[in-house]
């Protein structure tokens, strides 16, 4: 699931997912200590690893405008992706 993350006058494009079947299940009142233990171990591993790097774009610049238009077009409707790809230089 793509979304924009804004910090002051900068932004970046961040994706979230894809989700595993376990993450898509509803666990409202159901406790699983094994799963909780595994989730804690996974969290500690992520916490101790280096964070991902994302390119920041300054709002109002030409590069920022092109990238934002590309992201919106590619997530809005599949047929717009072709037009967006054609407009962005490789």
PDB file of N, CA and C in Angstrom:
ATOM      1  N   UNK A   1       0.853  -1.156   0.000  1.00  0.00           N
ATOM      2  CA  UNK A   1       0.000   0.000   0.000  1.00  0.00           C
ATOM      3  C   UNK A   1       0.911   1.234   0.000  1.00  0.00           C
ATOM      4  N   UNK A   2       0.927   1.987  -1.063  1.00  0.00           N
ATOM      5  CA  UNK A   2       1.781   3.169  -1.135  1.00  0.00           C
ATOM      6  C   UNK A   2       1.146   4.384  -0.445  1.00  0.00           C
ATOM      7  N   UNK A   3       1.985   5.210   0.153  1.00  0.00           N
ATOM      8  CA  UNK A   3       1.484   6.451   0.725  1.00  0.00           C
ATOM      9  C   UNK A   3       2.617   7.475   0.754  1.00  0.00           C
ATOM     10  N   UNK A   4       2.252   8.739   0.940  1.00  0.00           N
ATOM     11  CA  UNK A   4       3.219   9.826   1.026  1.00  0.00           C
ATOM     12  C   UNK A   4       3.496  10.137   2.491  1.00  0.00           C
ATOM     13  N   UNK A   5       4.752  10.403   2.804  1.00  0.00           N
ATOM     14  CA  UNK A   5       5.147  10.800   4.150  1.00  0.00           C
ATOM     15  C   UNK A   5       5.747  12.197   4.048  1.00  0.00           C
ATOM     16  N   UNK A   6       5.107  13.173   4.693  1.00  0.00           N
ATOM     17  CA  UNK A   6       5.551  14.570   4.636  1.00  0.00           C
ATOM     18  C   UNK A   6       6.211  14.960   5.948  1.00  0.00           C
ATOM     19  N   UNK A   7       7.367  15.616   5.841  1.00  0.00           N
ATOM     20  CA  UNK A   7       8.069  16.157   7.004  1.00  0.00           C
ATOM     21  C   UNK A   7       8.486  17.573   6.637  1.00  0.00           C
ATOM     22  N   UNK A   8       7.777  18.549   7.196  1.00  0.00           N
ATOM     23  CA  UNK A   8       8.053  19.938   6.845  1.00  0.00           C
ATOM     24  C   UNK A   8       7.788  20.167   5.372  1.00  0.00           C
ATOM     25  N   UNK A   9       8.788  20.682   4.658  1.00  0.00           N
ATOM     26  CA  UNK A   9       8.618  20.937   3.228  1.00  0.00           C
ATOM     27  C   UNK A   9       9.196  19.802   2.380  1.00  0.00           C
ATOM     28  N   UNK A  10       9.490  18.671   3.000  1.00  0.00           N
ATOM     29  CA  UNK A  10      10.015  17.506   2.286  1.00  0.00           C
ATOM     30  C   UNK A  10       9.003  16.366   2.327  1.00  0.00           C
ATOM     31  N   UNK A  11       9.109  15.474   1.357  1.00  0.00           N
ATOM     32  CA  UNK A  11       8.234  14.309   1.335  1.00  0.00           C
ATOM     33  C   UNK A  11       8.982  13.135   0.718  1.00  0.00           C
ATOM     34  N   UNK A  12       8.467  11.951   0.959  1.00  0.00           N
ATOM     35  CA  UNK A  12       8.974  10.747   0.341  1.00  0.00           C
ATOM     36  C   UNK A  12       7.820   9.795   0.091  1.00  0.00           C
ATOM     37  N   UNK A  13       8.054   8.861  -0.802  1.00  0.00           N
ATOM     38  CA  UNK A  13       7.051   7.853  -1.139  1.00  0.00           C
ATOM     39  C   UNK A  13       7.425   6.576  -0.403  1.00  0.00           C
ATOM     40  N   UNK A  14       6.510   6.050   0.398  1.00  0.00           N
ATOM     41  CA  UNK A  14       6.771   4.867   1.209  1.00  0.00           C
ATOM     42  C   UNK A  14       5.717   3.816   0.904  1.00  0.00           C
ATOM     43  N   UNK A  15       6.146   2.594   0.798  1.00  0.00           N
ATOM     44  CA  UNK A  15       5.217   1.488   0.598  1.00  0.00           C
ATOM     45  C   UNK A  15       5.075   0.679   1.878  1.00  0.00           C
ATOM     46  N   UNK A  16       3.912   0.148   2.110  1.00  0.00           N
ATOM     47  CA  UNK A  16       3.655  -0.659   3.287  1.00  0.00           C
ATOM     48  C   UNK A  16       3.034  -1.962   2.837  1.00  0.00           C
ATOM     49  N   UNK A  17       3.658  -3.054   3.148  1.00  0.00           N
ATOM     50  CA  UNK A  17       3.177  -4.354   2.715  1.00  0.00           C
ATOM     51  C   UNK A  17       4.175  -4.946   1.739  1.00  0.00           C
ATOM     52  N   UNK A  18       3.918  -6.033   1.103  1.00  0.00           N
ATOM     53  CA  UNK A  18       2.713  -6.854   1.177  1.00  0.00           C
ATOM     54  C   UNK A  18       2.626  -7.576   2.524  1.00  0.00           C
ATOM     55  N   UNK A  19       1.428  -7.973   2.851  1.00  0.00           N
ATOM     56  CA  UNK A  19       1.164  -8.563   4.143  1.00  0.00           C
ATOM     57  C   UNK A  19       1.191 -10.084   4.064  1.00  0.00           C
ATOM     58  N   UNK A  20       1.647 -10.693   5.140  1.00  0.00           N
ATOM     59  CA  UNK A  20       1.628 -12.151   5.228  1.00  0.00           C
ATOM     60  C   UNK A  20       0.230 -12.599   5.622  1.00  0.00           C
ATOM     61  N   UNK A  21      -0.124 -13.854   5.383  1.00  0.00           N
ATOM     62  CA  UNK A  21      -1.439 -14.337   5.814  1.00  0.00           C
ATOM     63  C   UNK A  21      -1.666 -14.164   7.323  1.00  0.00           C
ATOM     64  N   UNK A  22      -0.613 -14.325   8.116  1.00  0.00           N
ATOM     65  CA  UNK A  22      -0.754 -14.149   9.564  1.00  0.00           C
ATOM     66  C   UNK A  22      -1.111 -12.702   9.921  1.00  0.00           C
ATOM     67  N   UNK A  23      -0.569 -11.746   9.172  1.00  0.00           N
ATOM     68  CA  UNK A  23      -0.866 -10.339   9.447  1.00  0.00           C
ATOM     69  C   UNK A  23      -2.279  -9.962   9.021  1.00  0.00           C
ATOM     70  N   UNK A  24      -2.854 -10.725   8.104  1.00  0.00           N
ATOM     71  CA  UNK A  24      -4.195 -10.418   7.611  1.00  0.00           C
ATOM     72  C   UNK A  24      -5.298 -11.076   8.433  1.00  0.00           C
ATOM     73  N   UNK A  25      -4.952 -11.943   9.359  1.00  0.00           N
ATOM     74  CA  UNK A  25      -5.966 -12.607  10.173  1.00  0.00           C
ATOM     75  C   UNK A  25      -6.423 -11.684  11.291  1.00  0.00           C
ATOM     76  N   UNK A  26      -7.647 -11.879  11.700  1.00  0.00           N
ATOM     77  CA  UNK A  26      -8.209 -11.103  12.800  1.00  0.00           C
ATOM     78  C   UNK A  26      -7.911 -11.845  14.099  1.00  0.00           C
ATOM     79  N   UNK A  27      -7.270 -11.155  15.028  1.00  0.00           N
ATOM     80  CA  UNK A  27      -6.905 -11.799  16.284  1.00  0.00           C
ATOM     81  C   UNK A  27      -7.507 -11.052  17.462  1.00  0.00           C
ATOM     82  N   UNK A  28      -8.636 -10.461  17.323  1.00  0.00           N
ATOM     83  CA  UNK A  28      -9.225  -9.613  18.339  1.00  0.00           C
ATOM     84  C   UNK A  28      -9.108 -10.116  19.762  1.00  0.00           C
ATOM     85  N   UNK A  29      -9.715 -11.227  20.085  1.00  0.00           N
ATOM     86  CA  UNK A  29      -9.711 -11.744  21.455  1.00  0.00           C
ATOM     87  C   UNK A  29      -8.873 -13.009  21.590  1.00  0.00           C
ATOM     88  N   UNK A  30      -8.208 -13.388  20.548  1.00  0.00           N
ATOM     89  CA  UNK A  30      -7.462 -14.637  20.536  1.00  0.00           C
ATOM     90  C   UNK A  30      -5.992 -14.362  20.833  1.00  0.00           C
ATOM     91  N   UNK A  31      -5.472 -14.916  21.924  1.00  0.00           N
ATOM     92  CA  UNK A  31      -4.068 -14.732  22.290  1.00  0.00           C
ATOM     93  C   UNK A  31      -3.263 -15.941  21.845  1.00  0.00           C
ATOM     94  N   UNK A  32      -2.097 -15.678  21.330  1.00  0.00           N
ATOM     95  CA  UNK A  32      -1.181 -16.744  20.967  1.00  0.00           C
ATOM     96  C   UNK A  32       0.199 -16.314  21.457  1.00  0.00           C
ATOM     97  N   UNK A  33       0.631 -16.914  22.560  1.00  0.00           N
ATOM     98  CA  UNK A  33       1.897 -16.501  23.146  1.00  0.00           C
ATOM     99  C   UNK A  33       3.074 -16.859  22.238  1.00  0.00           C
ATOM    100  N   UNK A  34       2.940 -17.909  21.457  1.00  0.00           N
ATOM    101  CA  UNK A  34       3.992 -18.272  20.517  1.00  0.00           C
ATOM    102  C   UNK A  34       4.138 -17.187  19.455  1.00  0.00           C
ATOM    103  N   UNK A  35       3.030 -16.748  18.909  1.00  0.00           N
ATOM    104  CA  UNK A  35       3.053 -15.690  17.900  1.00  0.00           C
ATOM    105  C   UNK A  35       3.557 -14.386  18.498  1.00  0.00           C
ATOM    106  N   UNK A  36       3.130 -14.067  19.719  1.00  0.00           N
ATOM    107  CA  UNK A  36       3.601 -12.851  20.373  1.00  0.00           C
ATOM    108  C   UNK A  36       5.113 -12.899  20.591  1.00  0.00           C
ATOM    109  N   UNK A  37       5.623 -14.054  20.969  1.00  0.00           N
ATOM    110  CA  UNK A  37       7.060 -14.210  21.170  1.00  0.00           C
ATOM    111  C   UNK A  37       7.802 -14.024  19.855  1.00  0.00           C
ATOM    112  N   UNK A  38       7.295 -14.626  18.795  1.00  0.00           N
ATOM    113  CA  UNK A  38       7.907 -14.490  17.482  1.00  0.00           C
ATOM    114  C   UNK A  38       7.871 -13.028  17.032  1.00  0.00           C
ATOM    115  N   UNK A  39       6.747 -12.360  17.235  1.00  0.00           N
ATOM    116  CA  UNK A  39       6.625 -10.950  16.861  1.00  0.00           C
ATOM    117  C   UNK A  39       7.608 -10.077  17.621  1.00  0.00           C
ATOM    118  N   UNK A  40       7.823 -10.377  18.902  1.00  0.00           N
ATOM    119  CA  UNK A  40       8.775  -9.621  19.713  1.00  0.00           C
ATOM    120  C   UNK A  40      10.189  -9.827  19.202  1.00  0.00           C
ATOM    121  N   UNK A  41      10.532 -11.060  18.877  1.00  0.00           N
ATOM    122  CA  UNK A  41      11.868 -11.342  18.340  1.00  0.00           C
ATOM    123  C   UNK A  41      12.081 -10.623  17.014  1.00  0.00           C
ATOM    124  N   UNK A  42      11.076 -10.636  16.163  1.00  0.00           N
ATOM    125  CA  UNK A  42      11.172  -9.952  14.867  1.00  0.00           C
ATOM    126  C   UNK A  42      11.337  -8.447  15.062  1.00  0.00           C
ATOM    127  N   UNK A  43      10.603  -7.886  16.032  1.00  0.00           N
ATOM    128  CA  UNK A  43      10.698  -6.457  16.313  1.00  0.00           C
ATOM    129  C   UNK A  43      12.090  -6.087  16.811  1.00  0.00           C
ATOM    130  N   UNK A  44      12.655  -6.887  17.699  1.00  0.00           N
ATOM    131  CA  UNK A  44      13.995  -6.615  18.225  1.00  0.00           C
ATOM    132  C   UNK A  44      15.035  -6.681  17.104  1.00  0.00           C
ATOM    133  N   UNK A  45      14.872  -7.639  16.201  1.00  0.00           N
ATOM    134  CA  UNK A  45      15.783  -7.737  15.061  1.00  0.00           C
ATOM    135  C   UNK A  45      15.703  -6.486  14.199  1.00  0.00           C
ATOM    136  N   UNK A  46      14.491  -6.029  13.914  1.00  0.00           N
ATOM    137  CA  UNK A  46      14.321  -4.806  13.118  1.00  0.00           C
ATOM    138  C   UNK A  46      14.862  -3.581  13.849  1.00  0.00           C
ATOM    139  N   UNK A  47      14.676  -3.555  15.160  1.00  0.00           N
ATOM    140  CA  UNK A  47      15.134  -2.427  15.961  1.00  0.00           C
ATOM    141  C   UNK A  47      16.650  -2.313  15.938  1.00  0.00           C
ATOM    142  N   UNK A  48      17.343  -3.440  15.914  1.00  0.00           N
ATOM    143  CA  UNK A  48      18.801  -3.441  15.927  1.00  0.00           C
ATOM    144  C   UNK A  48      19.427  -3.329  14.544  1.00  0.00           C
ATOM    145  N   UNK A  49      18.633  -3.427  13.494  1.00  0.00           N
ATOM    146  CA  UNK A  49      19.165  -3.310  12.137  1.00  0.00           C
ATOM    147  C   UNK A  49      19.182  -1.845  11.711  1.00  0.00           C
ATOM    148  N   UNK A  50      19.886  -1.563  10.631  1.00  0.00           N
ATOM    149  CA  UNK A  50      19.936  -0.177  10.147  1.00  0.00           C
ATOM    150  C   UNK A  50      18.603   0.171   9.480  1.00  0.00           C
ATOM    151  N   UNK A  51      18.146   1.408   9.649  1.00  0.00           N
ATOM    152  CA  UNK A  51      16.854   1.799   9.077  1.00  0.00           C
ATOM    153  C   UNK A  51      16.932   1.918   7.555  1.00  0.00           C
ATOM    154  N   UNK A  52      15.796   1.748   6.877  1.00  0.00           N
ATOM    155  CA  UNK A  52      15.801   1.904   5.418  1.00  0.00           C
ATOM    156  C   UNK A  52      16.032   3.369   5.034  1.00  0.00           C
ATOM    157  N   UNK A  53      16.632   3.582   3.886  1.00  0.00           N
ATOM    158  CA  UNK A  53      16.889   4.936   3.394  1.00  0.00           C
ATOM    159  C   UNK A  53      15.887   5.272   2.297  1.00  0.00           C
ATOM    160  N   UNK A  54      15.297   6.438   2.397  1.00  0.00           N
ATOM    161  CA  UNK A  54      14.350   6.908   1.392  1.00  0.00           C
ATOM    162  C   UNK A  54      14.837   8.243   0.849  1.00  0.00           C
ATOM    163  N   UNK A  55      14.647   8.453  -0.435  1.00  0.00           N
ATOM    164  CA  UNK A  55      15.017   9.730  -1.035  1.00  0.00           C
ATOM    165  C   UNK A  55      13.975  10.774  -0.649  1.00  0.00           C
ATOM    166  N   UNK A  56      14.440  11.927  -0.183  1.00  0.00           N
ATOM    167  CA  UNK A  56      13.543  13.021   0.167  1.00  0.00           C
ATOM    168  C   UNK A  56      13.436  13.986  -1.004  1.00  0.00           C
ATOM    169  N   UNK A  57      12.227  14.468  -1.238  1.00  0.00           N
ATOM    170  CA  UNK A  57      11.970  15.441  -2.300  1.00  0.00           C
ATOM    171  C   UNK A  57      11.505  16.739  -1.660  1.00  0.00           C
ATOM    172  N   UNK A  58      12.024  17.848  -2.160  1.00  0.00           N
ATOM    173  CA  UNK A  58      11.627  19.168  -1.681  1.00  0.00           C
ATOM    174  C   UNK A  58      10.389  19.607  -2.444  1.00  0.00           C
ATOM    175  N   UNK A  59       9.337  19.965  -1.716  1.00  0.00           N
ATOM    176  CA  UNK A  59       8.102  20.417  -2.363  1.00  0.00           C
ATOM    177  C   UNK A  59       8.368  21.649  -3.215  1.00  0.00           C
ATOM    178  N   UNK A  60       7.734  21.691  -4.372  1.00  0.00           N
ATOM    179  CA  UNK A  60       7.844  22.845  -5.251  1.00  0.00           C
ATOM    180  C   UNK A  60       8.934  22.748  -6.293  1.00  0.00           C
ATOM    181  N   UNK A  61       9.739  21.681  -6.266  1.00  0.00           N
ATOM    182  CA  UNK A  61      10.780  21.525  -7.278  1.00  0.00           C
ATOM    183  C   UNK A  61      10.244  20.696  -8.438  1.00  0.00           C
ATOM    184  N   UNK A  62      10.903  20.820  -9.579  1.00  0.00           N
ATOM    185  CA  UNK A  62      10.476  20.094 -10.774  1.00  0.00           C
ATOM    186  C   UNK A  62      10.579  18.574 -10.561  1.00  0.00           C
ATOM    187  N   UNK A  63      11.685  18.132  -9.958  1.00  0.00           N
ATOM    188  CA  UNK A  63      11.874  16.700  -9.692  1.00  0.00           C
ATOM    189  C   UNK A  63      10.787  16.164  -8.762  1.00  0.00           C
ATOM    190  N   UNK A  64      10.456  16.942  -7.748  1.00  0.00           N
ATOM    191  CA  UNK A  64       9.412  16.556  -6.803  1.00  0.00           C
ATOM    192  C   UNK A  64       8.057  16.451  -7.492  1.00  0.00           C
ATOM    193  N   UNK A  65       7.758  17.417  -8.329  1.00  0.00           N
ATOM    194  CA  UNK A  65       6.478  17.404  -9.056  1.00  0.00           C
ATOM    195  C   UNK A  65       6.350  16.174  -9.945  1.00  0.00           C
ATOM    196  N   UNK A  66       7.431  15.867 -10.671  1.00  0.00           N
ATOM    197  CA  UNK A  66       7.398  14.709 -11.567  1.00  0.00           C
ATOM    198  C   UNK A  66       7.232  13.400 -10.794  1.00  0.00           C
ATOM    199  N   UNK A  67       7.951  13.272  -9.691  1.00  0.00           N
ATOM    200  CA  UNK A  67       7.879  12.041  -8.909  1.00  0.00           C
ATOM    201  C   UNK A  67       6.497  11.869  -8.283  1.00  0.00           C
ATOM    202  N   UNK A  68       5.941  12.941  -7.733  1.00  0.00           N
ATOM    203  CA  UNK A  68       4.627  12.852  -7.114  1.00  0.00           C
ATOM    204  C   UNK A  68       3.562  12.514  -8.155  1.00  0.00           C
ATOM    205  N   UNK A  69       3.657  13.129  -9.318  1.00  0.00           N
ATOM    206  CA  UNK A  69       2.705  12.835 -10.389  1.00  0.00           C
ATOM    207  C   UNK A  69       2.823  11.366 -10.811  1.00  0.00           C
ATOM    208  N   UNK A  70       4.063  10.877 -10.898  1.00  0.00           N
ATOM    209  CA  UNK A  70       4.289   9.479 -11.264  1.00  0.00           C
ATOM    210  C   UNK A  70       3.676   8.528 -10.241  1.00  0.00           C
ATOM    211  N   UNK A  71       3.886   8.796  -8.961  1.00  0.00           N
ATOM    212  CA  UNK A  71       3.358   7.920  -7.909  1.00  0.00           C
ATOM    213  C   UNK A  71       1.833   7.929  -7.916  1.00  0.00           C
ATOM    214  N   UNK A  72       1.243   9.096  -8.017  1.00  0.00           N
ATOM    215  CA  UNK A  72      -0.219   9.190  -8.028  1.00  0.00           C
ATOM    216  C   UNK A  72      -0.790   8.483  -9.247  1.00  0.00           C
ATOM    217  N   UNK A  73      -0.194   8.709 -10.403  1.00  0.00           N
ATOM    218  CA  UNK A  73      -0.695   8.081 -11.624  1.00  0.00           C
ATOM    219  C   UNK A  73      -0.545   6.566 -11.582  1.00  0.00           C
ATOM    220  N   UNK A  74       0.554   6.079 -11.022  1.00  0.00           N
ATOM    221  CA  UNK A  74       0.784   4.633 -11.013  1.00  0.00           C
ATOM    222  C   UNK A  74      -0.083   3.913  -9.993  1.00  0.00           C
ATOM    223  N   UNK A  75      -0.560   4.605  -8.991  1.00  0.00           N
ATOM    224  CA  UNK A  75      -1.415   3.951  -7.997  1.00  0.00           C
ATOM    225  C   UNK A  75      -2.892   4.229  -8.235  1.00  0.00           C
ATOM    226  N   UNK A  76      -3.202   5.236  -9.060  1.00  0.00           N
ATOM    227  CA  UNK A  76      -4.603   5.598  -9.287  1.00  0.00           C
ATOM    228  C   UNK A  76      -5.304   4.561 -10.155  1.00  0.00           C
ATOM    229  N   UNK A  77      -4.810   4.347 -11.347  1.00  0.00           N
ATOM    230  CA  UNK A  77      -5.426   3.397 -12.265  1.00  0.00           C
ATOM    231  C   UNK A  77      -4.332   2.781 -13.111  1.00  0.00           C
ATOM    232  N   UNK A  78      -4.404   1.488 -13.363  1.00  0.00           N
ATOM    233  CA  UNK A  78      -3.325   0.814 -14.098  1.00  0.00           C
ATOM    234  C   UNK A  78      -3.026   1.401 -15.467  1.00  0.00           C
ATOM    235  N   UNK A  79      -4.025   1.878 -16.200  1.00  0.00           N
ATOM    236  CA  UNK A  79      -3.746   2.382 -17.542  1.00  0.00           C
ATOM    237  C   UNK A  79      -3.011   3.712 -17.520  1.00  0.00           C
ATOM    238  N   UNK A  80      -3.019   4.426 -16.413  1.00  0.00           N
ATOM    239  CA  UNK A  80      -2.273   5.674 -16.314  1.00  0.00           C
ATOM    240  C   UNK A  80      -0.786   5.425 -16.097  1.00  0.00           C
ATOM    241  N   UNK A  81      -0.416   4.231 -15.655  1.00  0.00           N
ATOM    242  CA  UNK A  81       0.974   3.916 -15.406  1.00  0.00           C
ATOM    243  C   UNK A  81       1.804   4.044 -16.675  1.00  0.00           C
ATOM    244  N   UNK A  82       1.277   3.603 -17.787  1.00  0.00           N
ATOM    245  CA  UNK A  82       2.005   3.685 -19.051  1.00  0.00           C
ATOM    246  C   UNK A  82       2.307   5.132 -19.406  1.00  0.00           C
ATOM    247  N   UNK A  83       1.350   6.030 -19.239  1.00  0.00           N
ATOM    248  CA  UNK A  83       1.559   7.435 -19.557  1.00  0.00           C
ATOM    249  C   UNK A  83       2.597   8.048 -18.623  1.00  0.00           C
ATOM    250  N   UNK A  84       2.550   7.684 -17.347  1.00  0.00           N
ATOM    251  CA  UNK A  84       3.498   8.221 -16.379  1.00  0.00           C
ATOM    252  C   UNK A  84       4.902   7.726 -16.669  1.00  0.00           C
ATOM    253  N   UNK A  85       5.039   6.467 -17.019  1.00  0.00           N
ATOM    254  CA  UNK A  85       6.361   5.917 -17.341  1.00  0.00           C
ATOM    255  C   UNK A  85       6.942   6.578 -18.579  1.00  0.00           C
ATOM    256  N   UNK A  86       6.104   6.883 -19.537  1.00  0.00           N
ATOM    257  CA  UNK A  86       6.567   7.519 -20.764  1.00  0.00           C
ATOM    258  C   UNK A  86       7.056   8.937 -20.502  1.00  0.00           C
ATOM    259  N   UNK A  87       6.491   9.599 -19.472  1.00  0.00           N
ATOM    260  CA  UNK A  87       6.840  10.998 -19.191  1.00  0.00           C
ATOM    261  C   UNK A  87       8.105  11.126 -18.344  1.00  0.00           C
ATOM    262  N   UNK A  88       8.470  10.089 -17.599  1.00  0.00           N
ATOM    263  CA  UNK A  88       9.625  10.154 -16.710  1.00  0.00           C
ATOM    264  C   UNK A  88      10.859   9.640 -17.448  1.00  0.00           C
ATOM    265  N   UNK A  89      11.901  10.454 -17.545  1.00  0.00           N
ATOM    266  CA  UNK A  89      13.123   9.984 -18.217  1.00  0.00           C
ATOM    267  C   UNK A  89      13.828   8.920 -17.387  1.00  0.00           C
ATOM    268  N   UNK A  90      14.405   7.963 -18.067  1.00  0.00           N
ATOM    269  CA  UNK A  90      15.115   6.898 -17.361  1.00  0.00           C
ATOM    270  C   UNK A  90      16.533   7.238 -17.135  1.00  0.00           C
TER     271      UNK A  90
END
